[in-house]
Amino acid sequence: MQVPLWFALAAVGYLGCKLFRPPLWLVLVLLLGGYLIADSLLAPVIDTAITK
C-alpha cells in the first residue's frame, strides 16, 4: 500500500493536535518557521543532512 507523503503528514499532524492539544500559537510558529527555513539559505544544508 502506497500512501502519499502529504496525506501521511496531514494524518500525523491531525492526530498529534487531537491527542496532545498543543497551543495554537505553537502550531502556527512551527508551521511558519518550517516554511521560512525551507525558503532560506539553510534549505540545501538541511536537505543534504536529511537525505544522507
N, C-alpha and C. Protein backbone atom coordinates (compact mmCIF):
# COMPACT_ATOMS: atom_id res chain seq x y z
N MET A 1 0.84 -1.17 0.00
CA MET A 1 0.00 0.00 0.00
C MET A 1 0.89 1.24 0.00
N GLN A 2 0.64 2.13 -0.92
CA GLN A 2 1.42 3.36 -1.01
C GLN A 2 0.55 4.54 -0.59
N VAL A 3 1.06 5.30 0.35
CA VAL A 3 0.35 6.47 0.86
C VAL A 3 1.15 7.71 0.50
N PRO A 4 0.51 8.72 -0.07
CA PRO A 4 1.25 9.95 -0.38
C PRO A 4 1.81 10.59 0.89
N LEU A 5 2.99 11.21 0.74
CA LEU A 5 3.64 11.82 1.90
C LEU A 5 2.79 12.92 2.52
N TRP A 6 2.14 13.73 1.69
CA TRP A 6 1.32 14.82 2.22
C TRP A 6 0.17 14.28 3.06
N PHE A 7 -0.39 13.14 2.64
CA PHE A 7 -1.50 12.56 3.40
C PHE A 7 -1.03 12.00 4.74
N ALA A 8 0.13 11.34 4.73
CA ALA A 8 0.67 10.78 5.97
C ALA A 8 1.02 11.91 6.95
N LEU A 9 1.62 12.99 6.45
CA LEU A 9 1.95 14.12 7.32
C LEU A 9 0.69 14.79 7.86
N ALA A 10 -0.32 14.91 7.03
CA ALA A 10 -1.58 15.52 7.48
C ALA A 10 -2.24 14.66 8.55
N ALA A 11 -2.21 13.35 8.38
CA ALA A 11 -2.81 12.44 9.36
C ALA A 11 -2.06 12.49 10.69
N VAL A 12 -0.74 12.47 10.63
CA VAL A 12 0.06 12.54 11.86
C VAL A 12 -0.14 13.89 12.55
N GLY A 13 -0.17 14.95 11.77
CA GLY A 13 -0.40 16.28 12.35
C GLY A 13 -1.77 16.40 13.00
N TYR A 14 -2.78 15.87 12.34
CA TYR A 14 -4.15 15.92 12.88
C TYR A 14 -4.24 15.13 14.18
N LEU A 15 -3.70 13.91 14.17
CA LEU A 15 -3.74 13.09 15.38
C LEU A 15 -2.91 13.71 16.51
N GLY A 16 -1.77 14.31 16.15
CA GLY A 16 -0.95 14.95 17.18
C GLY A 16 -1.67 16.12 17.83
N CYS A 17 -2.37 16.90 17.02
CA CYS A 17 -3.11 18.03 17.58
C CYS A 17 -4.30 17.58 18.41
N LYS A 18 -4.93 16.48 18.00
CA LYS A 18 -6.07 15.98 18.76
C LYS A 18 -5.64 15.33 20.08
N LEU A 19 -4.53 14.58 20.05
CA LEU A 19 -4.14 13.84 21.24
C LEU A 19 -3.35 14.68 22.24
N PHE A 20 -2.43 15.51 21.75
CA PHE A 20 -1.56 16.26 22.65
C PHE A 20 -2.05 17.66 22.94
N ARG A 21 -2.93 18.19 22.12
CA ARG A 21 -3.53 19.51 22.27
C ARG A 21 -2.52 20.62 22.55
N PRO A 22 -1.58 20.84 21.60
CA PRO A 22 -0.63 21.94 21.78
C PRO A 22 -1.34 23.27 21.59
N PRO A 23 -0.80 24.34 22.16
CA PRO A 23 -1.43 25.65 21.95
C PRO A 23 -1.36 26.05 20.47
N LEU A 24 -2.35 26.79 20.04
CA LEU A 24 -2.44 27.18 18.63
C LEU A 24 -1.23 28.01 18.20
N TRP A 25 -0.72 28.86 19.10
CA TRP A 25 0.41 29.70 18.73
C TRP A 25 1.64 28.85 18.43
N LEU A 26 1.81 27.73 19.15
CA LEU A 26 2.95 26.85 18.92
C LEU A 26 2.84 26.17 17.55
N VAL A 27 1.66 25.73 17.21
CA VAL A 27 1.45 25.11 15.90
C VAL A 27 1.75 26.11 14.79
N LEU A 28 1.27 27.34 14.94
CA LEU A 28 1.50 28.36 13.92
C LEU A 28 2.97 28.73 13.81
N VAL A 29 3.66 28.84 14.93
CA VAL A 29 5.09 29.16 14.91
C VAL A 29 5.89 28.06 14.23
N LEU A 30 5.57 26.81 14.51
CA LEU A 30 6.29 25.70 13.87
C LEU A 30 6.03 25.64 12.37
N LEU A 31 4.78 25.86 11.96
CA LEU A 31 4.46 25.86 10.53
C LEU A 31 5.14 27.02 9.82
N LEU A 32 5.07 28.20 10.40
CA LEU A 32 5.70 29.36 9.78
C LEU A 32 7.22 29.22 9.76
N GLY A 33 7.80 28.72 10.84
CA GLY A 33 9.24 28.52 10.89
C GLY A 33 9.71 27.51 9.86
N GLY A 34 8.98 26.42 9.69
CA GLY A 34 9.34 25.44 8.68
C GLY A 34 9.24 26.00 7.28
N TYR A 35 8.22 26.79 7.05
CA TYR A 35 8.05 27.42 5.73
C TYR A 35 9.19 28.39 5.44
N LEU A 36 9.57 29.18 6.43
CA LEU A 36 10.64 30.16 6.23
C LEU A 36 12.00 29.49 6.07
N ILE A 37 12.26 28.43 6.81
CA ILE A 37 13.53 27.72 6.69
C ILE A 37 13.62 27.02 5.33
N ALA A 38 12.50 26.51 4.83
CA ALA A 38 12.52 25.82 3.54
C ALA A 38 12.85 26.77 2.39
N ASP A 39 12.63 28.06 2.58
CA ASP A 39 12.90 29.03 1.53
C ASP A 39 14.17 29.85 1.82
N SER A 40 14.99 29.40 2.76
CA SER A 40 16.17 30.17 3.14
C SER A 40 17.44 29.52 2.57
N LEU A 41 18.57 30.09 2.93
CA LEU A 41 19.85 29.53 2.50
C LEU A 41 20.18 28.22 3.22
N LEU A 42 19.49 27.95 4.31
CA LEU A 42 19.73 26.72 5.05
C LEU A 42 19.08 25.50 4.43
N ALA A 43 18.19 25.69 3.47
CA ALA A 43 17.46 24.57 2.87
C ALA A 43 18.38 23.51 2.26
N PRO A 44 19.39 23.88 1.46
CA PRO A 44 20.27 22.82 0.92
C PRO A 44 21.03 22.06 2.01
N VAL A 45 21.43 22.76 3.04
CA VAL A 45 22.17 22.11 4.15
C VAL A 45 21.27 21.11 4.85
N ILE A 46 20.04 21.51 5.13
CA ILE A 46 19.09 20.62 5.80
C ILE A 46 18.76 19.44 4.90
N ASP A 47 18.60 19.70 3.60
CA ASP A 47 18.26 18.63 2.66
C ASP A 47 19.37 17.59 2.60
N THR A 48 20.62 18.02 2.54
CA THR A 48 21.71 17.04 2.50
C THR A 48 21.86 16.30 3.82
N ALA A 49 21.56 16.95 4.93
CA ALA A 49 21.64 16.29 6.23
C ALA A 49 20.56 15.23 6.37
N ILE A 50 19.39 15.48 5.80
CA ILE A 50 18.28 14.54 5.92
C ILE A 50 18.44 13.37 4.97
N THR A 51 18.92 13.62 3.76
CA THR A 51 18.97 12.56 2.76
C THR A 51 20.19 11.65 2.87
N LYS A 52 21.14 11.93 3.74
CA LYS A 52 22.31 11.06 3.89
C LYS A 52 21.97 9.78 4.57
